């Protein structure tokens, strides 16, 4: 029997040294909540976790760079849920999809409570 795969289905990489947080909106992590992509991979390895779904931290707004960086460096380990502006174009969506973004997050609490009330 093949051993079961272990996946982390919701994780954030919070690396404000390489990827500064944006503005005043969104979650502002405490120092002990931050870490690099490499540190996160060490935690995954230590627990036998094969893959993870990264979710864009609200504190990064629509700057998905931390996600794209992780997926470029570890393409078989990570997929991601990103965040985009409401006027995002097809080219940006295609670039995110090519990088490994498999879905988008609507952050109704931190950014736009009315986002689902309009077309």
Protein backbone atom coordinates (compact mmCIF):
# COMPACT_ATOMS: atom_id res chain seq x y z
CA UNK A 1 0.00 0.00 0.00
CA UNK A 2 1.30 3.43 -0.96
CA UNK A 3 1.67 5.82 2.02
CA UNK A 4 -0.83 8.66 2.23
CA UNK A 5 0.31 12.08 1.08
CA UNK A 6 0.20 14.89 3.61
CA UNK A 7 -0.80 18.33 2.32
CA UNK A 8 -1.16 21.69 4.07
CA UNK A 9 -4.32 23.22 2.63
CA UNK A 10 -3.94 26.81 3.95
CA UNK A 11 -0.65 28.50 4.75
CA UNK A 12 0.92 31.95 4.56
CA UNK A 13 4.53 32.83 3.94
CA UNK A 14 5.14 36.09 5.73
CA UNK A 15 8.58 37.43 4.85
CA UNK A 16 8.50 41.20 5.41
CA UNK A 17 12.27 41.51 4.92
CA UNK A 18 12.13 40.38 1.27
CA UNK A 19 8.46 41.26 0.68
CA UNK A 20 7.33 44.36 2.62
CA UNK A 21 3.73 44.46 3.76
CA UNK A 22 1.48 46.93 1.96
CA UNK A 23 -0.15 49.98 3.49
CA UNK A 24 -2.35 50.11 6.54
CA UNK A 25 -4.94 47.52 5.53
CA UNK A 26 -4.91 43.83 6.23
CA UNK A 27 -3.36 41.63 8.85
CA UNK A 28 -0.13 42.80 10.47
CA UNK A 29 1.75 39.77 11.81
CA UNK A 30 3.67 39.65 15.05
CA UNK A 31 7.43 39.04 14.64
CA UNK A 32 7.13 35.41 15.74
CA UNK A 33 4.61 34.80 12.93
CA UNK A 34 7.06 35.67 10.15
CA UNK A 35 9.50 33.46 8.31
CA UNK A 36 11.09 32.81 4.97
CA UNK A 37 9.97 30.30 2.38
CA UNK A 38 12.98 28.16 3.28
CA UNK A 39 12.00 28.14 6.96
CA UNK A 40 8.48 27.06 6.01
CA UNK A 41 9.88 24.25 3.85
CA UNK A 42 11.93 23.07 6.84
CA UNK A 43 8.75 22.91 8.94
CA UNK A 44 6.95 20.99 6.19
CA UNK A 45 9.86 18.56 5.86
CA UNK A 46 10.01 18.07 9.61
CA UNK A 47 6.39 16.94 9.63
CA UNK A 48 6.46 14.91 6.42
CA UNK A 49 4.25 17.38 4.54
CA UNK A 50 4.72 17.02 0.80
CA UNK A 51 2.85 20.02 -0.64
CA UNK A 52 1.03 23.17 0.44
CA UNK A 53 -1.57 25.61 -0.80
CA UNK A 54 -0.33 29.11 -0.06
CA UNK A 55 -2.93 31.80 0.56
CA UNK A 56 -2.22 35.48 0.02
CA UNK A 57 -1.93 37.27 3.37
CA UNK A 58 -4.25 40.30 3.56
CA UNK A 59 -1.26 42.39 4.67
CA UNK A 60 0.24 41.98 1.19
CA UNK A 61 -2.83 43.40 -0.55
CA UNK A 62 -2.76 42.53 -4.25
CA UNK A 63 1.02 42.13 -4.42
CA UNK A 64 1.31 38.37 -4.98
CA UNK A 65 5.13 38.44 -5.24
CA UNK A 66 5.73 36.28 -2.16
CA UNK A 67 3.48 33.57 -3.62
CA UNK A 68 5.00 33.72 -7.10
CA UNK A 69 8.51 33.61 -5.64
CA UNK A 70 7.74 30.48 -3.60
CA UNK A 71 6.13 28.71 -6.56
CA UNK A 72 9.01 29.59 -8.88
CA UNK A 73 11.56 28.23 -6.42
CA UNK A 74 9.50 25.15 -5.46
CA UNK A 75 7.18 24.49 -8.43
CA UNK A 76 6.17 20.99 -7.39
CA UNK A 77 5.64 21.87 -3.75
CA UNK A 78 3.32 24.90 -3.87
CA UNK A 79 0.15 26.15 -5.53
CA UNK A 80 -1.51 29.36 -4.39
CA UNK A 81 -4.63 31.43 -3.88
CA UNK A 82 -3.94 35.04 -4.87
CA UNK A 83 -5.64 38.41 -4.52
CA UNK A 84 -6.22 40.85 -7.39
CA UNK A 85 -7.77 44.27 -7.93
CA UNK A 86 -11.36 44.24 -9.15
CA UNK A 87 -10.24 45.67 -12.50
CA UNK A 88 -7.59 42.99 -13.13
CA UNK A 89 -6.92 42.23 -16.78
CA UNK A 90 -6.68 38.92 -18.57
CA UNK A 91 -2.90 39.21 -18.99
CA UNK A 92 -2.31 39.45 -15.23
CA UNK A 93 -4.69 36.57 -14.54
CA UNK A 94 -2.93 34.44 -17.15
CA UNK A 95 0.49 35.29 -15.67
CA UNK A 96 -0.69 34.32 -12.19
CA UNK A 97 -2.19 31.08 -13.49
CA UNK A 98 1.04 30.26 -15.32
CA UNK A 99 2.96 30.84 -12.08
CA UNK A 100 0.75 28.36 -10.19
CA UNK A 101 -2.10 30.46 -8.80
CA UNK A 102 -5.15 28.19 -8.86
CA UNK A 103 -7.76 30.51 -7.33
CA UNK A 104 -8.50 33.97 -6.01
CA UNK A 105 -9.40 35.21 -2.56
CA UNK A 106 -12.05 37.83 -1.87
CA UNK A 107 -11.02 39.58 1.33
CA UNK A 108 -14.34 41.08 2.37
CA UNK A 109 -13.24 41.95 5.91
CA UNK A 110 -10.01 43.86 5.26
CA UNK A 111 -10.61 45.38 1.86
CA UNK A 112 -14.05 45.47 0.29
CA UNK A 113 -17.15 44.41 2.21
CA UNK A 114 -19.35 45.11 -0.83
CA UNK A 115 -17.29 43.18 -3.41
CA UNK A 116 -19.93 40.47 -3.88
CA UNK A 117 -22.84 42.93 -4.14
CA UNK A 118 -21.95 44.19 -7.61
CA UNK A 119 -21.16 42.67 -11.00
